[in-house]
Amino acid sequence: MRLDRPAAAGALLGMALFVCACASGGATSAPEPTGQTDETAPGGFATDGLATPAASTGPAATLPPGALAIVALGDSLTAGDCDDSGRGGYPGRLQALIDPLRPGTRVTNLGRSGWTSGDLANVLNDETSEIAQAIATRPNVALVWIGSNDLWALYEYGPEPMTRDAEGTDLTDYEANVDQILLQLTSHGATVFVALLDDQSKRPTVADPNPVEPAFPATTKADLARMSAHIKAYNELLRRKAAQYKGGIVDFSTTKIFTETATLCDDGNHPNATGYDQIAAIWFAALRPNLG
C-alpha cells in the first residue's frame, strides 16, 4: 500500500525504519548516555550526550581502500524530512564525518518520503526507483533504513481489531521485500548496512496525539501495544537478513531520539536538526571500524 496518498500524506510522508542490532542471532542493547559531553565529531558538529551504539556490528566483507561510493535508501528519515539546517538529513552529515578518513567519498541520498519496503523493493524495472538509481552509482556501501511506513499502514488501515493473521501476512511480505532489496544491492557488489527500527509506538505523534486532529486516527491504544511487539519481530527479521547477506547492522532500537523534544520536530515523529546530527553519528559509529 502506498502511504503518500492524499488522505494520509501529511501524516505518513516519511516514517522510517531505522535502527540497529547485532548481525548474529542475539542483540545487545546500546548503553545509555552517561552524561553530557562536549565532543565534536570529525564532521564538525557536536554529538552531545550521544551513546555509542555498542550493539552495532560491521559486515563480514572488507571495504576497498580509498574513496567510497555510498548510497542511503529509505523513506523520510533518510530523505531528511523536518531538517531545517540545509545539511541533507543524516546522509549529508555522514559524508562530512567520513571524508576526513576517506577523502572524496560520495554519499548519495535516495530517500523518499512515504515509501514502504514494498515501494522500495517492487519497482525494479523503473529506472527512477531507489534501487535502480543506487545500482547506477556502483556503490561500495548501501545503507538501508525502511519499514516504518509498513507499520503505520498495517495498524492504521488494517483490520480492527487487529488479527494475528494480518500481522503474519505483513511480516511475510516485509521479509520478501527486505530479501529483494538486499539481494539486488549485494548482487551488484554493495556491502549493506541495515538499520533496526525504533519503537515508533512511543513516538509522541501516537503516544500523545493531537486530540483535535490526530495523525493516525484509526490507530488505537490496543494497536500501539501490538505494534510495539510487531516491531520486535521486524527487528529480529532484520538481524537475520543482515547476517544472511553478510551486512552490518546499526542499532536505533533503544534510541531516545524519537521520544525526546530536544531531538524531535514539532510533528512528534521526525527528527529535528539535532536529531539528525545524532543519527548521522550512530551510522558513522557503525561504519567507522571498516574505514581504516
Protein backbone atom coordinates (compact mmCIF):
# COMPACT_ATOMS: atom_id res chain seq x y z
CA MET A 1 0.00 0.00 0.00
CA ARG A 2 1.33 3.45 -0.88
CA LEU A 3 1.27 5.86 2.02
CA ASP A 4 1.77 9.05 0.08
CA ARG A 5 -1.88 9.11 -0.99
CA PRO A 6 -3.63 12.43 -0.33
CA ALA A 7 -5.63 11.14 2.63
CA ALA A 8 -2.54 10.16 4.51
CA ALA A 9 0.13 12.40 3.03
CA GLY A 10 0.59 14.79 5.91
CA ALA A 11 0.99 12.09 8.49
CA LEU A 12 2.65 9.30 6.60
CA LEU A 13 5.13 11.07 4.36
CA GLY A 14 8.22 9.94 5.91
CA MET A 15 8.21 7.43 8.68
CA ALA A 16 11.35 5.44 8.51
CA LEU A 17 12.95 2.40 9.76
CA PHE A 18 15.91 2.72 11.40
CA VAL A 19 17.77 1.11 13.80
CA CYS A 20 20.37 -1.48 14.59
CA ALA A 21 21.24 -4.60 16.34
CA CYS A 22 23.61 -7.44 16.22
CA ALA A 23 24.29 -9.22 12.94
CA SER A 24 24.37 -12.55 14.68
CA GLY A 25 21.46 -14.11 16.47
CA GLY A 26 21.28 -12.20 19.76
CA ALA A 27 21.06 -8.46 20.26
CA THR A 28 22.86 -6.38 22.83
CA SER A 29 21.28 -3.13 23.95
CA ALA A 30 23.23 0.03 23.35
CA PRO A 31 24.39 1.71 26.56
CA GLU A 32 22.52 4.67 27.93
CA PRO A 33 24.27 8.04 27.79
CA THR A 34 26.29 8.57 30.95
CA GLY A 35 26.08 12.33 30.81
CA GLN A 36 26.51 15.30 28.55
CA THR A 37 29.77 15.51 26.65
CA ASP A 38 31.23 18.27 24.58
CA GLU A 39 32.74 16.02 21.96
CA THR A 40 32.77 17.23 18.39
CA ALA A 41 32.63 14.64 15.64
CA PRO A 42 35.03 14.73 12.65
CA GLY A 43 32.34 16.36 10.52
CA GLY A 44 32.36 19.44 12.72
CA PHE A 45 29.12 19.09 14.69
CA ALA A 46 28.70 18.24 18.35
CA THR A 47 27.30 14.89 19.45
CA ASP A 48 26.43 15.97 22.97
CA GLY A 49 25.36 13.14 25.24
CA LEU A 50 25.34 10.59 22.43
CA ALA A 51 25.84 7.00 23.48
CA THR A 52 27.99 4.91 21.16
CA PRO A 53 25.84 2.06 19.83
CA ALA A 54 27.93 -0.86 21.08
CA ALA A 55 25.49 -3.36 19.58
CA SER A 56 26.12 -2.15 16.05
CA THR A 57 28.28 -4.52 14.07
CA GLY A 58 30.21 -4.28 10.85
CA PRO A 59 29.87 -6.54 7.83
CA ALA A 60 31.90 -9.62 7.08
CA ALA A 61 33.13 -8.04 3.84
CA THR A 62 36.14 -5.71 3.77
CA LEU A 63 35.61 -2.31 2.18
CA PRO A 64 38.06 -1.31 -0.57
CA PRO A 65 40.65 1.38 0.15
CA GLY A 66 40.25 4.97 -0.95
CA ALA A 67 37.13 6.99 -1.70
CA LEU A 68 33.83 5.14 -1.39
CA ALA A 69 30.53 5.38 -3.22
CA ILE A 70 27.80 5.12 -0.57
CA VAL A 71 24.04 5.19 -1.13
CA ALA A 72 21.39 5.75 1.52
CA LEU A 73 17.98 4.21 0.79
CA GLY A 74 14.78 4.62 2.76
CA ASP A 75 11.86 6.89 3.49
CA SER A 76 11.54 10.35 5.06
CA LEU A 77 14.07 9.65 7.78
CA THR A 78 16.64 9.17 5.04
CA ALA A 79 15.25 11.96 2.85
CA GLY A 80 15.66 14.31 5.83
CA ASP A 81 12.11 15.50 6.43
CA CYS A 82 11.95 18.24 9.07
CA ASP A 83 15.67 19.02 8.82
CA ASP A 84 15.74 22.80 8.50
CA SER A 85 19.52 23.05 8.63
CA GLY A 86 20.08 22.57 4.90
CA ARG A 87 22.57 19.79 5.59
CA GLY A 88 20.72 17.00 3.78
CA GLY A 89 19.45 14.84 6.64
CA TYR A 90 21.75 12.18 8.01
CA PRO A 91 23.42 11.29 4.64
CA GLY A 92 24.83 14.80 4.19
CA ARG A 93 26.21 14.79 7.71
CA LEU A 94 27.59 11.28 7.28
CA GLN A 95 29.62 12.35 4.26
CA ALA A 96 31.20 15.11 6.36
CA LEU A 97 32.10 12.56 9.03
CA ILE A 98 33.64 10.07 6.60
CA ASP A 99 35.53 12.49 4.36
CA PRO A 100 38.49 13.07 6.73
CA LEU A 101 39.12 9.31 6.74
CA ARG A 102 38.24 8.60 3.11
CA PRO A 103 38.65 11.84 1.11
CA GLY A 104 36.46 12.01 -1.96
CA THR A 105 33.79 9.67 -0.59
CA ARG A 106 30.33 10.40 -2.01
CA VAL A 107 27.15 9.68 -0.02
CA THR A 108 24.09 9.78 -2.30
CA ASN A 109 20.74 10.35 -0.57
CA LEU A 110 17.99 8.36 -2.31
CA GLY A 111 15.42 8.53 0.49
CA ARG A 112 11.78 9.12 -0.50
CA SER A 113 9.13 10.33 1.90
CA GLY A 114 6.24 7.95 2.46
CA TRP A 115 7.86 4.86 1.00
CA THR A 116 7.29 1.37 2.34
CA SER A 117 9.51 -1.68 1.91
CA GLY A 118 7.22 -2.69 -0.96
CA ASP A 119 7.75 0.63 -2.72
CA LEU A 120 11.48 0.19 -2.42
CA ALA A 121 11.53 -3.46 -3.48
CA ASN A 122 8.88 -3.71 -6.18
CA VAL A 123 9.80 -1.08 -8.73
CA LEU A 124 12.98 -2.68 -10.00
CA ASN A 125 12.02 -2.10 -13.65
CA ASP A 126 11.59 1.63 -13.05
CA GLU A 127 14.86 3.39 -13.84
CA THR A 128 13.87 6.17 -11.44
CA SER A 129 13.46 3.78 -8.50
CA GLU A 130 15.73 3.97 -5.48
CA ILE A 131 17.35 0.62 -6.17
CA ALA A 132 17.92 1.34 -9.87
CA GLN A 133 19.46 4.70 -9.00
CA ALA A 134 21.54 3.09 -6.29
CA ILE A 135 22.91 0.42 -8.62
CA ALA A 136 23.73 3.07 -11.21
CA THR A 137 26.14 4.71 -8.75
CA ARG A 138 28.14 1.45 -8.47
CA PRO A 139 28.04 1.63 -4.68
CA ASN A 140 30.59 0.08 -2.39
CA VAL A 141 28.18 0.54 0.53
CA ALA A 142 24.38 0.69 0.76
CA LEU A 143 22.59 1.95 3.88
CA VAL A 144 19.05 0.57 4.18
CA TRP A 145 16.51 2.05 6.61
CA ILE A 146 12.95 1.05 5.72
CA GLY A 147 9.80 -0.31 7.38
CA SER A 148 8.25 2.44 9.45
CA ASN A 149 5.54 3.18 6.89
CA ASP A 150 4.77 -0.53 6.60
CA LEU A 151 3.85 -0.44 10.28
CA TRP A 152 1.78 2.73 10.04
CA ALA A 153 -0.15 1.21 7.14
CA LEU A 154 -0.81 -2.07 8.93
CA TYR A 155 -2.27 -0.54 12.08
CA GLU A 156 -3.97 2.47 10.51
CA TYR A 157 -5.59 0.66 7.57
CA GLY A 158 -5.59 -2.97 8.68
CA PRO A 159 -8.44 -4.88 10.33
CA GLU A 160 -9.95 -3.53 13.53
CA PRO A 161 -9.43 -5.18 15.87
CA MET A 162 -6.07 -6.29 14.52
CA THR A 163 -5.61 -10.02 13.93
CA ARG A 164 -2.64 -12.38 14.12
CA ASP A 165 -3.29 -13.43 10.55
CA ALA A 166 -2.95 -9.86 9.30
CA GLU A 167 0.26 -9.39 11.26
CA GLY A 168 1.60 -12.70 9.97
CA THR A 169 0.89 -11.75 6.36
CA ASP A 170 2.53 -8.38 6.89
CA LEU A 171 5.67 -9.98 8.33
CA THR A 172 5.88 -12.42 5.41
CA ASP A 173 5.53 -9.58 2.91
CA TYR A 174 8.11 -7.49 4.74
CA GLU A 175 10.61 -10.34 4.71
CA ALA A 176 10.13 -10.86 0.97
CA ASN A 177 10.68 -7.14 0.35
CA VAL A 178 13.82 -6.97 2.51
CA ASP A 179 15.15 -10.06 0.74
CA GLN A 180 14.62 -8.43 -2.66
CA ILE A 181 16.23 -5.16 -1.58
CA LEU A 182 19.33 -6.75 -0.07
CA LEU A 183 19.70 -9.30 -2.86
CA GLN A 184 19.66 -6.61 -5.54
CA LEU A 185 22.18 -4.44 -3.73
CA THR A 186 24.62 -7.17 -2.74
CA SER A 187 24.46 -8.87 -6.14
CA HIS A 188 25.74 -5.62 -7.64
CA GLY A 189 28.70 -5.50 -5.28
CA ALA A 190 27.45 -3.34 -2.41
CA THR A 191 28.15 -4.10 1.23
CA VAL A 192 24.91 -3.43 3.09
CA PHE A 193 24.27 -1.87 6.47
CA VAL A 194 20.75 -2.39 7.78
CA ALA A 195 19.04 -0.20 10.39
CA LEU A 196 16.76 -1.66 13.02
CA LEU A 197 13.57 0.17 13.93
CA ASP A 198 12.88 2.30 16.95
CA ASP A 199 9.67 1.52 18.83
CA GLN A 200 7.57 4.05 16.94
CA SER A 201 4.52 3.29 19.07
CA LYS A 202 6.25 5.51 21.66
CA ARG A 203 6.71 8.48 19.33
CA PRO A 204 4.67 11.46 20.58
CA THR A 205 2.65 11.61 17.34
CA VAL A 206 0.77 8.49 18.50
CA ALA A 207 1.71 8.18 22.17
CA ASP A 208 0.43 11.70 22.89
CA PRO A 209 -1.65 12.56 19.81
CA ASN A 210 -3.27 15.84 18.95
CA PRO A 211 -6.85 15.30 20.22
CA VAL A 212 -8.31 17.66 17.61
CA GLU A 213 -6.51 16.32 14.57
CA PRO A 214 -4.62 13.10 15.34
CA ALA A 215 -2.11 11.97 12.71
CA PHE A 216 -3.33 8.36 12.87
CA PRO A 217 -6.97 8.46 13.99
CA ALA A 218 -7.66 4.77 13.35
CA THR A 219 -4.65 3.53 15.34
CA THR A 220 -5.95 2.63 18.80
CA LYS A 221 -4.11 2.09 22.08
CA ALA A 222 -4.56 -1.63 21.55
CA ASP A 223 -2.98 -1.23 18.12
CA LEU A 224 0.00 0.56 19.66
CA ALA A 225 0.62 -2.30 22.07
CA ARG A 226 0.55 -4.77 19.19
CA MET A 227 2.73 -2.51 17.05
CA SER A 228 5.38 -2.43 19.76
CA ALA A 229 5.53 -6.24 19.77
CA HIS A 230 5.46 -6.41 15.97
CA ILE A 231 8.44 -4.06 15.72
CA LYS A 232 10.45 -6.61 17.70
CA ALA A 233 9.55 -9.21 15.07
CA TYR A 234 10.69 -6.82 12.33
CA ASN A 235 14.00 -6.27 14.09
CA GLU A 236 14.63 -9.97 14.61
CA LEU A 237 14.00 -10.46 10.89
CA LEU A 238 16.40 -7.64 10.04
CA ARG A 239 19.11 -9.16 12.20
CA ARG A 240 18.76 -12.45 10.37
CA LYS A 241 18.77 -10.82 6.94
CA ALA A 242 21.80 -8.70 7.73
CA ALA A 243 23.67 -11.86 8.71
CA GLN A 244 22.41 -13.72 5.63
CA TYR A 245 23.71 -11.02 3.29
CA LYS A 246 26.92 -10.53 5.30
CA GLY A 247 25.96 -6.98 6.19
CA GLY A 248 26.31 -4.70 9.17
CA ILE A 249 23.56 -3.54 11.47
CA VAL A 250 23.01 -0.18 13.16
CA ASP A 251 21.02 -0.12 16.37
CA PHE A 252 18.33 2.50 16.84
CA SER A 253 16.12 0.17 18.88
CA THR A 254 16.98 1.80 22.21
CA THR A 255 17.45 5.36 20.97
CA LYS A 256 15.66 8.29 22.62
CA ILE A 257 15.91 10.43 19.50
CA PHE A 258 12.25 9.78 18.61
CA THR A 259 10.86 10.42 22.09
CA GLU A 260 12.71 13.49 23.38
CA THR A 261 11.69 17.03 22.45
CA ALA A 262 15.32 18.14 22.10
CA THR A 263 15.80 15.87 19.08
CA LEU A 264 12.28 15.87 17.62
CA CYS A 265 10.48 18.07 15.12
CA ASP A 266 7.20 19.65 16.17
CA ASP A 267 5.28 16.85 14.43
CA GLY A 268 6.39 14.43 17.16
CA ASN A 269 7.52 11.95 14.55
CA HIS A 270 10.58 13.14 12.59
CA PRO A 271 13.94 14.26 13.97
CA ASN A 272 14.94 17.90 14.02
CA ALA A 273 18.43 19.07 13.03
CA THR A 274 19.88 17.96 16.38
CA GLY A 275 18.24 14.57 15.96
CA TYR A 276 19.77 14.14 12.51
CA ASP A 277 23.18 15.07 13.97
CA GLN A 278 22.84 12.15 16.37
CA ILE A 279 21.50 9.78 13.71
CA ALA A 280 24.49 10.52 11.46
CA ALA A 281 26.85 9.89 14.37
CA ILE A 282 25.24 6.50 15.02
CA TRP A 283 25.59 5.46 11.38
CA PHE A 284 29.19 6.67 11.44
CA ALA A 285 29.95 4.65 14.58
CA ALA A 286 28.78 1.51 12.78
CA LEU A 287 30.83 2.26 9.66
CA ARG A 288 33.94 3.55 11.45
CA PRO A 289 35.67 0.16 12.09
CA ASN A 290 35.54 -0.54 8.35
CA LEU A 291 37.03 2.77 7.27
CA GLY A 292 40.60 2.25 8.48
